[in-house]
PDB file of N, CA and C in Angstrom:
ATOM      1  N   MET A   1     113.454 114.123 169.727  1.00  0.00           N
ATOM      2  CA  MET A   1     113.429 112.813 169.120  1.00  0.00           C
ATOM      3  C   MET A   1     113.790 112.891 167.631  1.00  0.00           C
ATOM      4  N   PHE A   2     113.184 113.850 166.905  1.00  0.00           N
ATOM      5  CA  PHE A   2     113.457 113.950 165.481  1.00  0.00           C
ATOM      6  C   PHE A   2     114.921 114.289 165.214  1.00  0.00           C
ATOM      7  N   SER A   3     115.501 115.138 166.064  1.00  0.00           N
ATOM      8  CA  SER A   3     116.914 115.475 165.852  1.00  0.00           C
ATOM      9  C   SER A   3     117.791 114.247 166.070  1.00  0.00           C
ATOM     10  N   THR A   4     117.406 113.369 166.988  1.00  0.00           N
ATOM     11  CA  THR A   4     118.162 112.139 167.223  1.00  0.00           C
ATOM     12  C   THR A   4     118.107 111.242 165.992  1.00  0.00           C
ATOM     13  N   VAL A   5     116.913 111.088 165.427  1.00  0.00           N
ATOM     14  CA  VAL A   5     116.747 110.258 164.231  1.00  0.00           C
ATOM     15  C   VAL A   5     117.490 110.869 163.054  1.00  0.00           C
ATOM     16  N   PHE A   6     117.342 112.180 162.872  1.00  0.00           N
ATOM     17  CA  PHE A   6     118.028 112.860 161.778  1.00  0.00           C
ATOM     18  C   PHE A   6     119.544 112.737 161.941  1.00  0.00           C
ATOM     19  N   GLY A   7     120.028 112.973 163.144  1.00  0.00           N
ATOM     20  CA  GLY A   7     121.458 112.859 163.414  1.00  0.00           C
ATOM     21  C   GLY A   7     121.974 111.452 163.158  1.00  0.00           C
ATOM     22  N   LEU A   8     121.198 110.445 163.518  1.00  0.00           N
ATOM     23  CA  LEU A   8     121.585 109.061 163.261  1.00  0.00           C
ATOM     24  C   LEU A   8     121.654 108.796 161.761  1.00  0.00           C
ATOM     25  N   ALA A   9     120.677 109.309 161.025  1.00  0.00           N
ATOM     26  CA  ALA A   9     120.680 109.139 159.572  1.00  0.00           C
ATOM     27  C   ALA A   9     121.917 109.792 158.960  1.00  0.00           C
ATOM     28  N   ILE A  10     122.254 110.987 159.417  1.00  0.00           N
ATOM     29  CA  ILE A  10     123.429 111.702 158.904  1.00  0.00           C
ATOM     30  C   ILE A  10     124.702 110.913 159.198  1.00  0.00           C
ATOM     31  N   SER A  11     124.769 110.312 160.371  1.00  0.00           N
ATOM     32  CA  SER A  11     125.997 109.615 160.761  1.00  0.00           C
ATOM     33  C   SER A  11     126.213 108.316 160.003  1.00  0.00           C
ATOM     34  N   THR A  12     125.183 107.789 159.344  1.00  0.00           N
ATOM     35  CA  THR A  12     125.323 106.519 158.636  1.00  0.00           C
ATOM     36  C   THR A  12     125.606 106.683 157.149  1.00  0.00           C
ATOM     37  N   ILE A  13     125.602 107.907 156.643  1.00  0.00           N
ATOM     38  CA  ILE A  13     125.857 108.138 155.217  1.00  0.00           C
ATOM     39  C   ILE A  13     127.323 107.852 154.908  1.00  0.00           C
ATOM     40  N   ARG A  14     127.543 107.111 153.841  1.00  0.00           N
ATOM     41  CA  ARG A  14     128.900 106.803 153.394  1.00  0.00           C
ATOM     42  C   ARG A  14     129.025 107.194 151.928  1.00  0.00           C
ATOM     43  N   LEU A  15     129.970 108.080 151.628  1.00  0.00           N
ATOM     44  CA  LEU A  15     130.159 108.534 150.259  1.00  0.00           C
ATOM     45  C   LEU A  15     131.561 108.267 149.732  1.00  0.00           C
ATOM     46  N   GLY A  16     132.368 107.598 150.495  1.00  0.00           N
ATOM     47  CA  GLY A  16     133.747 107.399 150.056  1.00  0.00           C
ATOM     48  C   GLY A  16     134.498 108.711 150.137  1.00  0.00           C
ATOM     49  N   ARG A  17     135.124 109.113 149.031  1.00  0.00           N
ATOM     50  CA  ARG A  17     135.895 110.345 149.013  1.00  0.00           C
ATOM     51  C   ARG A  17     135.085 111.531 148.503  1.00  0.00           C
ATOM     52  N   ASP A  18     133.830 111.312 148.167  1.00  0.00           N
ATOM     53  CA  ASP A  18     132.992 112.381 147.632  1.00  0.00           C
ATOM     54  C   ASP A  18     132.410 113.246 148.743  1.00  0.00           C
ATOM     55  N   TYR A  19     132.043 114.446 148.351  1.00  0.00           N
ATOM     56  CA  TYR A  19     131.339 115.355 149.250  1.00  0.00           C
ATOM     57  C   TYR A  19     129.891 115.441 148.825  1.00  0.00           C
ATOM     58  N   ALA A  20     129.031 115.804 149.747  1.00  0.00           N
ATOM     59  CA  ALA A  20     127.617 115.968 149.428  1.00  0.00           C
ATOM     60  C   ALA A  20     127.120 117.263 150.046  1.00  0.00           C
ATOM     61  N   ILE A  21     126.301 117.959 149.293  1.00  0.00           N
ATOM     62  CA  ILE A  21     125.602 119.126 149.822  1.00  0.00           C
ATOM     63  C   ILE A  21     124.200 118.664 150.155  1.00  0.00           C
ATOM     64  N   LEU A  22     123.815 118.810 151.398  1.00  0.00           N
ATOM     65  CA  LEU A  22     122.501 118.381 151.843  1.00  0.00           C
ATOM     66  C   LEU A  22     121.671 119.620 152.145  1.00  0.00           C
ATOM     67  N   GLN A  23     120.662 119.851 151.333  1.00  0.00           N
ATOM     68  CA  GLN A  23     119.791 121.013 151.522  1.00  0.00           C
ATOM     69  C   GLN A  23     118.727 120.663 152.559  1.00  0.00           C
ATOM     70  N   VAL A  24     118.663 121.466 153.612  1.00  0.00           N
ATOM     71  CA  VAL A  24     117.687 121.215 154.674  1.00  0.00           C
ATOM     72  C   VAL A  24     117.020 122.521 155.082  1.00  0.00           C
ATOM     73  N   ASP A  25     115.794 122.389 155.539  1.00  0.00           N
ATOM     74  CA  ASP A  25     115.121 123.576 156.056  1.00  0.00           C
ATOM     75  C   ASP A  25     115.601 123.795 157.491  1.00  0.00           C
ATOM     76  N   GLN A  26     115.041 124.775 158.146  1.00  0.00           N
ATOM     77  CA  GLN A  26     115.511 125.098 159.495  1.00  0.00           C
ATOM     78  C   GLN A  26     114.608 124.518 160.579  1.00  0.00           C
ATOM     79  N   ALA A  27     114.063 123.355 160.304  1.00  0.00           N
ATOM     80  CA  ALA A  27     113.295 122.653 161.335  1.00  0.00           C
ATOM     81  C   ALA A  27     114.230 122.348 162.502  1.00  0.00           C
ATOM     82  N   PRO A  28     113.713 122.385 163.720  1.00  0.00           N
ATOM     83  CA  PRO A  28     114.571 122.130 164.880  1.00  0.00           C
ATOM     84  C   PRO A  28     115.354 120.824 164.780  1.00  0.00           C
ATOM     85  N   ALA A  29     114.762 119.801 164.169  1.00  0.00           N
ATOM     86  CA  ALA A  29     115.464 118.520 164.032  1.00  0.00           C
ATOM     87  C   ALA A  29     116.693 118.636 163.143  1.00  0.00           C
ATOM     88  N   HIS A  30     116.693 119.607 162.233  1.00  0.00           N
ATOM     89  CA  HIS A  30     117.816 119.765 161.306  1.00  0.00           C
ATOM     90  C   HIS A  30     118.888 120.712 161.820  1.00  0.00           C
ATOM     91  N   THR A  31     118.560 121.510 162.817  1.00  0.00           N
ATOM     92  CA  THR A  31     119.505 122.516 163.299  1.00  0.00           C
ATOM     93  C   THR A  31     119.993 122.250 164.728  1.00  0.00           C
ATOM     94  N   SER A  32     119.614 121.133 165.276  1.00  0.00           N
ATOM     95  CA  SER A  32     119.985 120.809 166.650  1.00  0.00           C
ATOM     96  C   SER A  32     121.497 120.738 166.813  1.00  0.00           C
ATOM     97  N   SER A  33     121.966 121.226 167.938  1.00  0.00           N
ATOM     98  CA  SER A  33     123.403 121.149 168.224  1.00  0.00           C
ATOM     99  C   SER A  33     123.830 119.707 168.495  1.00  0.00           C
ATOM    100  N   ALA A  34     122.861 118.810 168.672  1.00  0.00           N
ATOM    101  CA  ALA A  34     123.176 117.398 168.893  1.00  0.00           C
ATOM    102  C   ALA A  34     123.623 116.710 167.611  1.00  0.00           C
ATOM    103  N   ILE A  35     123.358 117.325 166.464  1.00  0.00           N
ATOM    104  CA  ILE A  35     123.739 116.716 165.187  1.00  0.00           C
ATOM    105  C   ILE A  35     125.224 116.915 164.962  1.00  0.00           C
ATOM    106  N   ARG A  36     125.890 115.839 164.653  1.00  0.00           N
ATOM    107  CA  ARG A  36     127.316 115.873 164.339  1.00  0.00           C
ATOM    108  C   ARG A  36     127.451 115.619 162.840  1.00  0.00           C
ATOM    109  N   TRP A  37     127.636 116.716 162.101  1.00  0.00           N
ATOM    110  CA  TRP A  37     127.751 116.609 160.648  1.00  0.00           C
ATOM    111  C   TRP A  37     129.076 115.967 160.295  1.00  0.00           C
ATOM    112  N   GLN A  38     129.039 114.951 159.453  1.00  0.00           N
ATOM    113  CA  GLN A  38     130.274 114.340 158.981  1.00  0.00           C
ATOM    114  C   GLN A  38     131.009 115.354 158.107  1.00  0.00           C
ATOM    115  N   GLU A  39     132.334 115.245 158.069  1.00  0.00           N
ATOM    116  CA  GLU A  39     133.139 116.266 157.386  1.00  0.00           C
ATOM    117  C   GLU A  39     132.871 116.343 155.896  1.00  0.00           C
ATOM    118  N   PHE A  40     132.353 115.289 155.286  1.00  0.00           N
ATOM    119  CA  PHE A  40     132.105 115.307 153.850  1.00  0.00           C
ATOM    120  C   PHE A  40     130.679 115.746 153.495  1.00  0.00           C
ATOM    121  N   ILE A  41     129.886 116.062 154.497  1.00  0.00           N
ATOM    122  CA  ILE A  41     128.529 116.552 154.262  1.00  0.00           C
ATOM    123  C   ILE A  41     128.506 118.048 154.550  1.00  0.00           C
ATOM    124  N   ILE A  42     128.081 118.809 153.560  1.00  0.00           N
ATOM    125  CA  ILE A  42     127.991 120.258 153.710  1.00  0.00           C
ATOM    126  C   ILE A  42     126.513 120.618 153.814  1.00  0.00           C
ATOM    127  N   PRO A  43     126.053 120.996 155.010  1.00  0.00           N
ATOM    128  CA  PRO A  43     124.632 121.359 155.125  1.00  0.00           C
ATOM    129  C   PRO A  43     124.381 122.728 154.494  1.00  0.00           C
ATOM    130  N   LEU A  44     123.349 122.803 153.704  1.00  0.00           N
ATOM    131  CA  LEU A  44     122.927 124.056 153.090  1.00  0.00           C
ATOM    132  C   LEU A  44     121.564 124.392 153.688  1.00  0.00           C
ATOM    133  N   PHE A  45     121.552 125.334 154.622  1.00  0.00           N
ATOM    134  CA  PHE A  45     120.316 125.680 155.322  1.00  0.00           C
ATOM    135  C   PHE A  45     119.534 126.717 154.520  1.00  0.00           C
ATOM    136  N   GLN A  46     118.290 126.399 154.278  1.00  0.00           N
ATOM    137  CA  GLN A  46     117.412 127.336 153.590  1.00  0.00           C
ATOM    138  C   GLN A  46     117.053 128.481 154.521  1.00  0.00           C
ATOM    139  N   PRO A  47     116.732 129.630 153.946  1.00  0.00           N
ATOM    140  CA  PRO A  47     116.226 130.710 154.794  1.00  0.00           C
ATOM    141  C   PRO A  47     114.885 130.287 155.418  1.00  0.00           C
ATOM    142  N   PRO A  48     114.548 130.847 156.575  1.00  0.00           N
ATOM    143  CA  PRO A  48     113.253 130.530 157.186  1.00  0.00           C
ATOM    144  C   PRO A  48     112.102 130.924 156.252  1.00  0.00           C
ATOM    145  N   SER A  49     111.048 130.179 156.316  1.00  0.00           N
ATOM    146  CA  SER A  49     109.823 130.467 155.547  1.00  0.00           C
ATOM    147  C   SER A  49     110.096 130.620 154.057  1.00  0.00           C
ATOM    148  N   ALA A  50     110.814 129.662 153.491  1.00  0.00           N
ATOM    149  CA  ALA A  50     111.124 129.694 152.063  1.00  0.00           C
ATOM    150  C   ALA A  50     110.771 128.355 151.413  1.00  0.00           C
ATOM    151  N   PRO A  51     109.497 127.980 151.414  1.00  0.00           N
ATOM    152  CA  PRO A  51     109.127 126.671 150.853  1.00  0.00           C
ATOM    153  C   PRO A  51     109.453 126.540 149.373  1.00  0.00           C
ATOM    154  N   GLU A  52     109.565 127.679 148.669  1.00  0.00           N
ATOM    155  CA  GLU A  52     109.878 127.610 147.240  1.00  0.00           C
ATOM    156  C   GLU A  52     111.284 127.069 146.994  1.00  0.00           C
ATOM    157  N   LEU A  53     112.124 127.061 148.023  1.00  0.00           N
ATOM    158  CA  LEU A  53     113.471 126.523 147.890  1.00  0.00           C
ATOM    159  C   LEU A  53     113.561 125.060 148.300  1.00  0.00           C
ATOM    160  N   ASN A  54     112.474 124.512 148.790  1.00  0.00           N
ATOM    161  CA  ASN A  54     112.478 123.143 149.268  1.00  0.00           C
ATOM    162  C   ASN A  54     111.928 122.222 148.179  1.00  0.00           C
ATOM    163  N   PRO A  55     112.765 121.387 147.587  1.00  0.00           N
ATOM    164  CA  PRO A  55     112.305 120.533 146.496  1.00  0.00           C
ATOM    165  C   PRO A  55     111.097 119.671 146.833  1.00  0.00           C
ATOM    166  N   ILE A  56     110.981 119.227 148.073  1.00  0.00           N
ATOM    167  CA  ILE A  56     109.863 118.356 148.417  1.00  0.00           C
ATOM    168  C   ILE A  56     108.531 119.092 148.310  1.00  0.00           C
ATOM    169  N   GLU A  57     108.535 120.404 148.536  1.00  0.00           N
ATOM    170  CA  GLU A  57     107.302 121.172 148.434  1.00  0.00           C
ATOM    171  C   GLU A  57     106.754 121.142 147.011  1.00  0.00           C
ATOM    172  N   ARG A  58     107.643 121.230 146.034  1.00  0.00           N
ATOM    173  CA  ARG A  58     107.198 121.169 144.636  1.00  0.00           C
ATOM    174  C   ARG A  58     106.721 119.769 144.278  1.00  0.00           C
ATOM    175  N   LEU A  59     107.354 118.757 144.861  1.00  0.00           N
ATOM    176  CA  LEU A  59     106.892 117.388 144.617  1.00  0.00           C
ATOM    177  C   LEU A  59     105.506 117.189 145.225  1.00  0.00           C
ATOM    178  N   TRP A  60     105.278 117.730 146.429  1.00  0.00           N
ATOM    179  CA  TRP A  60     103.950 117.613 147.045  1.00  0.00           C
ATOM    180  C   TRP A  60     102.887 118.262 146.158  1.00  0.00           C
ATOM    181  N   GLN A  61     103.213 119.400 145.568  1.00  0.00           N
ATOM    182  CA  GLN A  61     102.254 120.057 144.663  1.00  0.00           C
ATOM    183  C   GLN A  61     101.884 119.133 143.507  1.00  0.00           C
ATOM    184  N   LEU A  62     102.884 118.486 142.941  1.00  0.00           N
ATOM    185  CA  LEU A  62     102.639 117.561 141.837  1.00  0.00           C
ATOM    186  C   LEU A  62     101.774 116.389 142.280  1.00  0.00           C
ATOM    187  N   LEU A  63     102.040 115.882 143.474  1.00  0.00           N
ATOM    188  CA  LEU A  63     101.298 114.724 143.971  1.00  0.00           C
ATOM    189  C   LEU A  63      99.861 115.077 144.361  1.00  0.00           C
ATOM    190  N   LYS A  64      99.652 116.301 144.828  1.00  0.00           N
ATOM    191  CA  LYS A  64      98.314 116.684 145.290  1.00  0.00           C
ATOM    192  C   LYS A  64      97.340 116.995 144.152  1.00  0.00           C
ATOM    193  N   LYS A  65      97.842 117.345 142.974  1.00  0.00           N
ATOM    194  CA  LYS A  65      96.953 117.710 141.864  1.00  0.00           C
ATOM    195  C   LYS A  65      95.918 116.637 141.553  1.00  0.00           C
ATOM    196  N   PRO A  66      96.324 115.365 141.408  1.00  0.00           N
ATOM    197  CA  PRO A  66      95.316 114.342 141.096  1.00  0.00           C
ATOM    198  C   PRO A  66      94.353 114.048 142.254  1.00  0.00           C
ATOM    199  N   LEU A  67      94.659 114.522 143.444  1.00  0.00           N
ATOM    200  CA  LEU A  67      93.802 114.279 144.608  1.00  0.00           C
ATOM    201  C   LEU A  67      92.773 115.384 144.825  1.00  0.00           C
ATOM    202  N   LYS A  68      92.939 116.481 144.084  1.00  0.00           N
ATOM    203  CA  LYS A  68      92.080 117.638 144.284  1.00  0.00           C
ATOM    204  C   LYS A  68      90.613 117.281 144.048  1.00  0.00           C
ATOM    205  N   ASN A  69      89.767 117.701 144.967  1.00  0.00           N
ATOM    206  CA  ASN A  69      88.306 117.515 144.905  1.00  0.00           C
ATOM    207  C   ASN A  69      87.877 116.054 144.908  1.00  0.00           C
ATOM    208  N   GLN A  70      88.706 115.184 145.418  1.00  0.00           N
ATOM    209  CA  GLN A  70      88.326 113.775 145.543  1.00  0.00           C
ATOM    210  C   GLN A  70      87.985 113.469 146.995  1.00  0.00           C
ATOM    211  N   LEU A  71      87.030 112.592 147.166  1.00  0.00           N
ATOM    212  CA  LEU A  71      86.672 112.113 148.500  1.00  0.00           C
ATOM    213  C   LEU A  71      87.067 110.646 148.595  1.00  0.00           C
ATOM    214  N   PHE A  72      87.532 110.246 149.766  1.00  0.00           N
ATOM    215  CA  PHE A  72      87.966 108.870 149.963  1.00  0.00           C
ATOM    216  C   PHE A  72      87.179 108.272 151.119  1.00  0.00           C
ATOM    217  N   SER A  73      86.739 107.044 150.923  1.00  0.00           N
ATOM    218  CA  SER A  73      85.885 106.392 151.925  1.00  0.00           C
ATOM    219  C   SER A  73      86.654 105.969 153.163  1.00  0.00           C
ATOM    220  N   SER A  74      87.976 105.867 153.039  1.00  0.00           N
ATOM    221  CA  SER A  74      88.777 105.473 154.196  1.00  0.00           C
ATOM    222  C   SER A  74      90.204 105.989 154.019  1.00  0.00           C
ATOM    223  N   LEU A  75      90.926 105.975 155.095  1.00  0.00           N
ATOM    224  CA  LEU A  75      92.324 106.379 155.058  1.00  0.00           C
ATOM    225  C   LEU A  75      93.120 105.421 154.164  1.00  0.00           C
ATOM    226  N   GLN A  76      92.771 104.140 154.217  1.00  0.00           N
ATOM    227  CA  GLN A  76      93.475 103.164 153.390  1.00  0.00           C
ATOM    228  C   GLN A  76      93.239 103.421 151.906  1.00  0.00           C
ATOM    229  N   THR A  77      92.044 103.833 151.539  1.00  0.00           N
ATOM    230  CA  THR A  77      91.752 104.160 150.142  1.00  0.00           C
ATOM    231  C   THR A  77      92.608 105.341 149.692  1.00  0.00           C
ATOM    232  N   LEU A  78      92.748 106.336 150.545  1.00  0.00           N
ATOM    233  CA  LEU A  78      93.611 107.477 150.250  1.00  0.00           C
ATOM    234  C   LEU A  78      95.060 107.023 150.097  1.00  0.00           C
ATOM    235  N   ARG A  79      95.525 106.190 151.011  1.00  0.00           N
ATOM    236  CA  ARG A  79      96.891 105.674 150.935  1.00  0.00           C
ATOM    237  C   ARG A  79      97.124 104.921 149.624  1.00  0.00           C
ATOM    238  N   ASP A  80      96.150 104.100 149.244  1.00  0.00           N
ATOM    239  CA  ASP A  80      96.275 103.339 148.003  1.00  0.00           C
ATOM    240  C   ASP A  80      96.363 104.267 146.796  1.00  0.00           C
ATOM    241  N   ARG A  81      95.553 105.323 146.801  1.00  0.00           N
ATOM    242  CA  ARG A  81      95.571 106.273 145.681  1.00  0.00           C
ATOM    243  C   ARG A  81      96.906 107.010 145.625  1.00  0.00           C
ATOM    244  N   ILE A  82      97.426 107.413 146.772  1.00  0.00           N
ATOM    245  CA  ILE A  82      98.727 108.084 146.808  1.00  0.00           C
ATOM    246  C   ILE A  82      99.818 107.151 146.292  1.00  0.00           C
ATOM    247  N   GLN A  83      99.740 105.877 146.660  1.00  0.00           N
ATOM    248  CA  GLN A  83     100.724 104.905 146.166  1.00  0.00           C
ATOM    249  C   GLN A  83     100.638 104.776 144.649  1.00  0.00           C
ATOM    250  N   GLU A  84      99.429 104.778 144.102  1.00  0.00           N
ATOM    251  CA  GLU A  84      99.257 104.727 142.642  1.00  0.00           C
ATOM    252  C   GLU A  84      99.928 105.927 141.975  1.00  0.00           C
ATOM    253  N   ILE A  85      99.732 107.098 142.567  1.00  0.00           N
ATOM    254  CA  ILE A  85     100.329 108.314 142.007  1.00  0.00           C
ATOM    255  C   ILE A  85     101.848 108.215 142.049  1.00  0.00           C
ATOM    256  N   PHE A  86     102.392 107.753 143.184  1.00  0.00           N
ATOM    257  CA  PHE A  86     103.840 107.571 143.290  1.00  0.00           C
ATOM    258  C   PHE A  86     104.345 106.590 142.238  1.00  0.00           C
ATOM    259  N   ASP A  87     103.629 105.495 142.062  1.00  0.00           N
ATOM    260  CA  ASP A  87     104.048 104.472 141.108  1.00  0.00           C
ATOM    261  C   ASP A  87     104.059 104.985 139.672  1.00  0.00           C
ATOM    262  N   GLN A  88     103.241 105.980 139.375  1.00  0.00           N
ATOM    263  CA  GLN A  88     103.154 106.522 138.022  1.00  0.00           C
ATOM    264  C   GLN A  88     104.186 107.615 137.745  1.00  0.00           C
ATOM    265  N   LEU A  89     104.830 108.112 138.794  1.00  0.00           N
ATOM    266  CA  LEU A  89     105.837 109.159 138.599  1.00  0.00           C
ATOM    267  C   LEU A  89     107.027 108.620 137.820  1.00  0.00           C
ATOM    268  N   THR A  90     107.496 109.420 136.911  1.00  0.00           N
ATOM    269  CA  THR A  90     108.710 109.058 136.188  1.00  0.00           C
ATOM    270  C   THR A  90     109.892 109.795 136.802  1.00  0.00           C
ATOM    271  N   LEU A  91     111.068 109.305 136.526  1.00  0.00           N
ATOM    272  CA  LEU A  91     112.280 109.963 137.012  1.00  0.00           C
ATOM    273  C   LEU A  91     112.358 111.388 136.472  1.00  0.00           C
ATOM    274  N   GLU A  92     111.965 111.554 135.218  1.00  0.00           N
ATOM    275  CA  GLU A  92     111.988 112.887 134.609  1.00  0.00           C
ATOM    276  C   GLU A  92     111.070 113.859 135.347  1.00  0.00           C
ATOM    277  N   GLN A  93     109.891 113.392 135.777  1.00  0.00           N
ATOM    278  CA  GLN A  93     108.978 114.266 136.517  1.00  0.00           C
ATOM    279  C   GLN A  93     109.594 114.682 137.850  1.00  0.00           C
ATOM    280  N   VAL A  94     110.169 113.737 138.547  1.00  0.00           N
ATOM    281  CA  VAL A  94     110.770 114.050 139.849  1.00  0.00           C
ATOM    282  C   VAL A  94     111.924 115.028 139.668  1.00  0.00           C
ATOM    283  N   ILE A  95     112.757 114.789 138.674  1.00  0.00           N
ATOM    284  CA  ILE A  95     113.876 115.696 138.415  1.00  0.00           C
ATOM    285  C   ILE A  95     113.371 117.087 138.058  1.00  0.00           C
ATOM    286  N   SER A  96     112.314 117.154 137.256  1.00  0.00           N
ATOM    287  CA  SER A  96     111.826 118.464 136.808  1.00  0.00           C
ATOM    288  C   SER A  96     111.295 119.316 137.952  1.00  0.00           C
ATOM    289  N   VAL A  97     110.752 118.697 138.982  1.00  0.00           N
ATOM    290  CA  VAL A  97     110.205 119.492 140.090  1.00  0.00           C
ATOM    291  C   VAL A  97     111.179 119.625 141.250  1.00  0.00           C
ATOM    292  N   SER A  98     112.241 118.837 141.249  1.00  0.00           N
ATOM    293  CA  SER A  98     113.148 118.905 142.400  1.00  0.00           C
ATOM    294  C   SER A  98     114.528 119.453 142.057  1.00  0.00           C
ATOM    295  N   SER A  99     114.787 119.727 140.802  1.00  0.00           N
ATOM    296  CA  SER A  99     116.086 120.274 140.419  1.00  0.00           C
ATOM    297  C   SER A  99     116.059 121.787 140.493  1.00  0.00           C
ATOM    298  N   TYR A 100     117.044 122.317 141.112  1.00  0.00           N
ATOM    299  CA  TYR A 100     117.166 123.758 141.251  1.00  0.00           C
ATOM    300  C   TYR A 100     118.539 124.168 140.773  1.00  0.00           C
ATOM    301  N   ASN A 101     118.681 124.355 139.485  1.00  0.00           N
ATOM    302  CA  ASN A 101     119.985 124.723 138.938  1.00  0.00           C
ATOM    303  C   ASN A 101     120.496 126.038 139.513  1.00  0.00           C
ATOM    304  N   PHE A 102     119.577 126.968 139.831  1.00  0.00           N
ATOM    305  CA  PHE A 102     120.038 128.250 140.350  1.00  0.00           C
ATOM    306  C   PHE A 102     120.714 128.097 141.705  1.00  0.00           C
ATOM    307  N   ILE A 103     120.327 127.100 142.486  1.00  0.00           N
ATOM    308  CA  ILE A 103     120.986 126.860 143.774  1.00  0.00           C
ATOM    309  C   ILE A 103     122.413 126.359 143.527  1.00  0.00           C
ATOM    310  N   LEU A 104     122.552 125.406 142.612  1.00  0.00           N
ATOM    311  CA  LEU A 104     123.887 124.894 142.298  1.00  0.00           C
ATOM    312  C   LEU A 104     124.770 125.993 141.721  1.00  0.00           C
ATOM    313  N   GLU A 105     124.203 126.795 140.832  1.00  0.00           N
ATOM    314  CA  GLU A 105     124.982 127.892 140.255  1.00  0.00           C
ATOM    315  C   GLU A 105     125.457 128.856 141.335  1.00  0.00           C
ATOM    316  N   ALA A 106     124.574 129.163 142.286  1.00  0.00           N
ATOM    317  CA  ALA A 106     124.951 130.066 143.372  1.00  0.00           C
ATOM    318  C   ALA A 106     126.042 129.451 144.241  1.00  0.00           C
ATOM    319  N   LEU A 107     125.945 128.149 144.499  1.00  0.00           N
ATOM    320  CA  LEU A 107     126.966 127.483 145.294  1.00  0.00           C
ATOM    321  C   LEU A 107     128.316 127.470 144.591  1.00  0.00           C
ATOM    322  N   PHE A 108     128.310 127.157 143.298  1.00  0.00           N
ATOM    323  CA  PHE A 108     129.565 127.150 142.551  1.00  0.00           C
ATOM    324  C   PHE A 108     130.158 128.552 142.481  1.00  0.00           C
ATOM    325  N   TYR A 109     129.303 129.550 142.324  1.00  0.00           N
ATOM    326  CA  TYR A 109     129.765 130.936 142.285  1.00  0.00           C
ATOM    327  C   TYR A 109     130.414 131.298 143.630  1.00  0.00           C
ATOM    328  N   ALA A 110     129.721 130.944 144.729  1.00  0.00           N
ATOM    329  CA  ALA A 110     130.237 131.270 146.061  1.00  0.00           C
ATOM    330  C   ALA A 110     131.542 130.528 146.336  1.00  0.00           C
ATOM    331  N   ALA A 111     131.637 129.301 145.854  1.00  0.00           N
ATOM    332  CA  ALA A 111     132.848 128.502 146.092  1.00  0.00           C
ATOM    333  C   ALA A 111     134.046 129.025 145.306  1.00  0.00           C
ATOM    334  N   SER A 112     133.771 129.782 144.254  1.00  0.00           N
ATOM    335  CA  SER A 112     134.874 130.279 143.441  1.00  0.00           C
ATOM    336  C   SER A 112     135.582 131.470 144.086  1.00  0.00           C
ATOM    337  N   TYR A 113     135.042 131.990 145.204  1.00  0.00           N
ATOM    338  CA  TYR A 113     135.670 133.131 145.885  1.00  0.00           C
ATOM    339  C   TYR A 113     136.351 132.727 147.153  1.00  0.00           C
TER     340      TYR A 113
END
């Protein structure tokens, strides 16, 4: 099911004449043979068990810090608190935890050969 949803999402991306590098982990939904990658999307598969290369993992760390050692009376209270944290994030914070210049440098280096 997840590979179907992921594949559908991939098929709806429109970039015009631009190319995109899409960094994905090796979850079965991302590696399914059912996925038809559009020619302008270049999948960059992370090595297995490499969360340090996954930008979302660093964002989760940032989001979890304010939740540490807190108790919530309900799931909705937790959801509300998470929404508050999201609302307080700045673009600079997201960029700082999700930018991996070394990945881009490695890609440009590899493309030069």
